[in-house]
Amino acid sequence: MQQERNALLALLKDECEKYTQIPSSENRAKQEQKKFIYGIMTASRVVGISYEELETIVNAMSTQPQFKDLDEKLAVPTYIRDKVQLEL
């Protein structure tokens, strides 16, 4: 049971991060991602994750989208957006 809890919490964190990466101009994509996050939160409650644990993850999420449109997002190189460390 603990593995399921940890997996759901990790998935929720990842999906919340993806949500903040969606440009604010893409309303439909944001709505779909938000519904998916709500589904994960519902599943989390089924396996016994408390509201407080869920609230900490959601509150840690940035409230402002990082990019206002797709052009602005694409202006930042992928390795920087995804925080990839380059090895030389």
C-alpha atoms as a PDB file:
ATOM      1  CA  MET A   1       0.000   0.000   0.000  1.00  0.00           C
ATOM      2  CA  GLN A   2       2.873   2.364   0.776  1.00  0.00           C
ATOM      3  CA  GLN A   3       4.265   1.880  -2.740  1.00  0.00           C
ATOM      4  CA  GLU A   4       0.941   2.929  -4.272  1.00  0.00           C
ATOM      5  CA  ARG A   5       0.851   6.014  -2.057  1.00  0.00           C
ATOM      6  CA  ASN A   6       4.383   7.014  -3.028  1.00  0.00           C
ATOM      7  CA  ALA A   7       3.711   6.342  -6.724  1.00  0.00           C
ATOM      8  CA  LEU A   8       0.552   8.470  -6.694  1.00  0.00           C
ATOM      9  CA  LEU A   9       2.265  11.318  -4.858  1.00  0.00           C
ATOM     10  CA  ALA A  10       5.160  11.256  -7.338  1.00  0.00           C
ATOM     11  CA  LEU A  11       2.735  11.155 -10.266  1.00  0.00           C
ATOM     12  CA  LEU A  12       0.770  14.068  -8.821  1.00  0.00           C
ATOM     13  CA  LYS A  13       3.943  16.144  -8.451  1.00  0.00           C
ATOM     14  CA  ASP A  14       4.952  15.370 -12.052  1.00  0.00           C
ATOM     15  CA  GLU A  15       1.525  16.198 -13.449  1.00  0.00           C
ATOM     16  CA  CYS A  16       1.351  19.450 -11.472  1.00  0.00           C
ATOM     17  CA  GLU A  17       4.732  20.396 -12.956  1.00  0.00           C
ATOM     18  CA  LYS A  18       3.427  19.582 -16.446  1.00  0.00           C
ATOM     19  CA  TYR A  19       0.356  21.722 -15.748  1.00  0.00           C
ATOM     20  CA  THR A  20       2.508  24.747 -14.989  1.00  0.00           C
ATOM     21  CA  GLN A  21       4.439  24.174 -18.236  1.00  0.00           C
ATOM     22  CA  ILE A  22       1.294  24.571 -20.368  1.00  0.00           C
ATOM     23  CA  PRO A  23       1.102  28.086 -21.846  1.00  0.00           C
ATOM     24  CA  SER A  24      -1.828  30.130 -20.540  1.00  0.00           C
ATOM     25  CA  SER A  25      -3.092  30.583 -24.095  1.00  0.00           C
ATOM     26  CA  GLU A  26      -3.833  26.836 -24.386  1.00  0.00           C
ATOM     27  CA  ASN A  27      -7.035  26.741 -22.358  1.00  0.00           C
ATOM     28  CA  ARG A  28      -8.220  23.332 -23.530  1.00  0.00           C
ATOM     29  CA  ALA A  29      -4.914  21.636 -22.668  1.00  0.00           C
ATOM     30  CA  LYS A  30      -4.938  23.283 -19.235  1.00  0.00           C
ATOM     31  CA  GLN A  31      -8.513  22.088 -18.588  1.00  0.00           C
ATOM     32  CA  GLU A  32      -7.671  18.524 -19.614  1.00  0.00           C
ATOM     33  CA  GLN A  33      -4.551  18.473 -17.443  1.00  0.00           C
ATOM     34  CA  LYS A  34      -6.506  19.880 -14.492  1.00  0.00           C
ATOM     35  CA  LYS A  35      -9.134  17.119 -14.856  1.00  0.00           C
ATOM     36  CA  PHE A  36      -6.367  14.517 -14.941  1.00  0.00           C
ATOM     37  CA  ILE A  37      -4.870  15.983 -11.763  1.00  0.00           C
ATOM     38  CA  TYR A  38      -8.296  15.847 -10.083  1.00  0.00           C
ATOM     39  CA  GLY A  39      -8.514  12.155 -11.040  1.00  0.00           C
ATOM     40  CA  ILE A  40      -5.117  11.467  -9.497  1.00  0.00           C
ATOM     41  CA  MET A  41      -6.207  13.299  -6.346  1.00  0.00           C
ATOM     42  CA  THR A  42      -9.369  11.174  -6.155  1.00  0.00           C
ATOM     43  CA  ALA A  43      -7.341   7.982  -6.542  1.00  0.00           C
ATOM     44  CA  SER A  44      -4.975   9.266  -3.869  1.00  0.00           C
ATOM     45  CA  ARG A  45      -7.827   9.639  -1.423  1.00  0.00           C
ATOM     46  CA  VAL A  46      -8.894   6.041  -2.128  1.00  0.00           C
ATOM     47  CA  VAL A  47      -5.483   4.694  -1.079  1.00  0.00           C
ATOM     48  CA  GLY A  48      -5.516   6.793   2.086  1.00  0.00           C
ATOM     49  CA  ILE A  49      -3.529   9.917   1.255  1.00  0.00           C
ATOM     50  CA  SER A  50      -4.744  12.791   3.412  1.00  0.00           C
ATOM     51  CA  TYR A  51      -6.049  16.130   2.208  1.00  0.00           C
ATOM     52  CA  GLU A  52      -3.117  17.801   3.927  1.00  0.00           C
ATOM     53  CA  GLU A  53      -0.584  15.788   1.884  1.00  0.00           C
ATOM     54  CA  LEU A  54      -2.414  16.648  -1.330  1.00  0.00           C
ATOM     55  CA  GLU A  55      -2.712  20.281  -0.333  1.00  0.00           C
ATOM     56  CA  THR A  56       1.046  20.590   0.241  1.00  0.00           C
ATOM     57  CA  ILE A  57       1.769  19.331  -3.264  1.00  0.00           C
ATOM     58  CA  VAL A  58      -0.826  21.564  -4.904  1.00  0.00           C
ATOM     59  CA  ASN A  59       0.230  24.634  -2.897  1.00  0.00           C
ATOM     60  CA  ALA A  60       3.860  24.085  -3.892  1.00  0.00           C
ATOM     61  CA  MET A  61       2.782  24.330  -7.522  1.00  0.00           C
ATOM     62  CA  SER A  62       3.367  27.697  -9.173  1.00  0.00           C
ATOM     63  CA  THR A  63       0.126  29.614  -9.638  1.00  0.00           C
ATOM     64  CA  GLN A  64       1.377  31.539 -12.646  1.00  0.00           C
ATOM     65  CA  PRO A  65       1.989  29.732 -15.932  1.00  0.00           C
ATOM     66  CA  GLN A  66       5.623  29.896 -16.934  1.00  0.00           C
ATOM     67  CA  PHE A  67       4.826  30.875 -20.523  1.00  0.00           C
ATOM     68  CA  LYS A  68       2.050  32.986 -21.967  1.00  0.00           C
ATOM     69  CA  ASP A  69       2.055  31.273 -25.370  1.00  0.00           C
ATOM     70  CA  LEU A  70       3.767  28.537 -27.352  1.00  0.00           C
ATOM     71  CA  ASP A  71       6.208  30.919 -29.041  1.00  0.00           C
ATOM     72  CA  GLU A  72       7.486  32.099 -25.693  1.00  0.00           C
ATOM     73  CA  LYS A  73       7.867  28.498 -24.528  1.00  0.00           C
ATOM     74  CA  LEU A  74       9.786  27.511 -27.656  1.00  0.00           C
ATOM     75  CA  ALA A  75      12.096  30.505 -27.276  1.00  0.00           C
ATOM     76  CA  VAL A  76      13.654  28.755 -24.273  1.00  0.00           C
ATOM     77  CA  PRO A  77      15.841  25.777 -25.265  1.00  0.00           C
ATOM     78  CA  THR A  78      14.469  22.415 -24.158  1.00  0.00           C
ATOM     79  CA  TYR A  79      17.490  21.498 -22.068  1.00  0.00           C
ATOM     80  CA  ILE A  80      16.973  24.681 -20.039  1.00  0.00           C
ATOM     81  CA  ARG A  81      13.187  24.212 -19.739  1.00  0.00           C
ATOM     82  CA  ASP A  82      13.641  20.615 -18.594  1.00  0.00           C
ATOM     83  CA  LYS A  83      16.600  21.493 -16.346  1.00  0.00           C
ATOM     84  CA  VAL A  84      18.930  18.995 -18.019  1.00  0.00           C
ATOM     85  CA  GLN A  85      22.577  19.158 -16.985  1.00  0.00           C
ATOM     86  CA  LEU A  86      24.875  18.997 -19.996  1.00  0.00           C
ATOM     87  CA  GLU A  87      28.123  17.105 -19.647  1.00  0.00           C
ATOM     88  CA  LEU A  88      31.095  18.283 -21.658  1.00  0.00           C
END
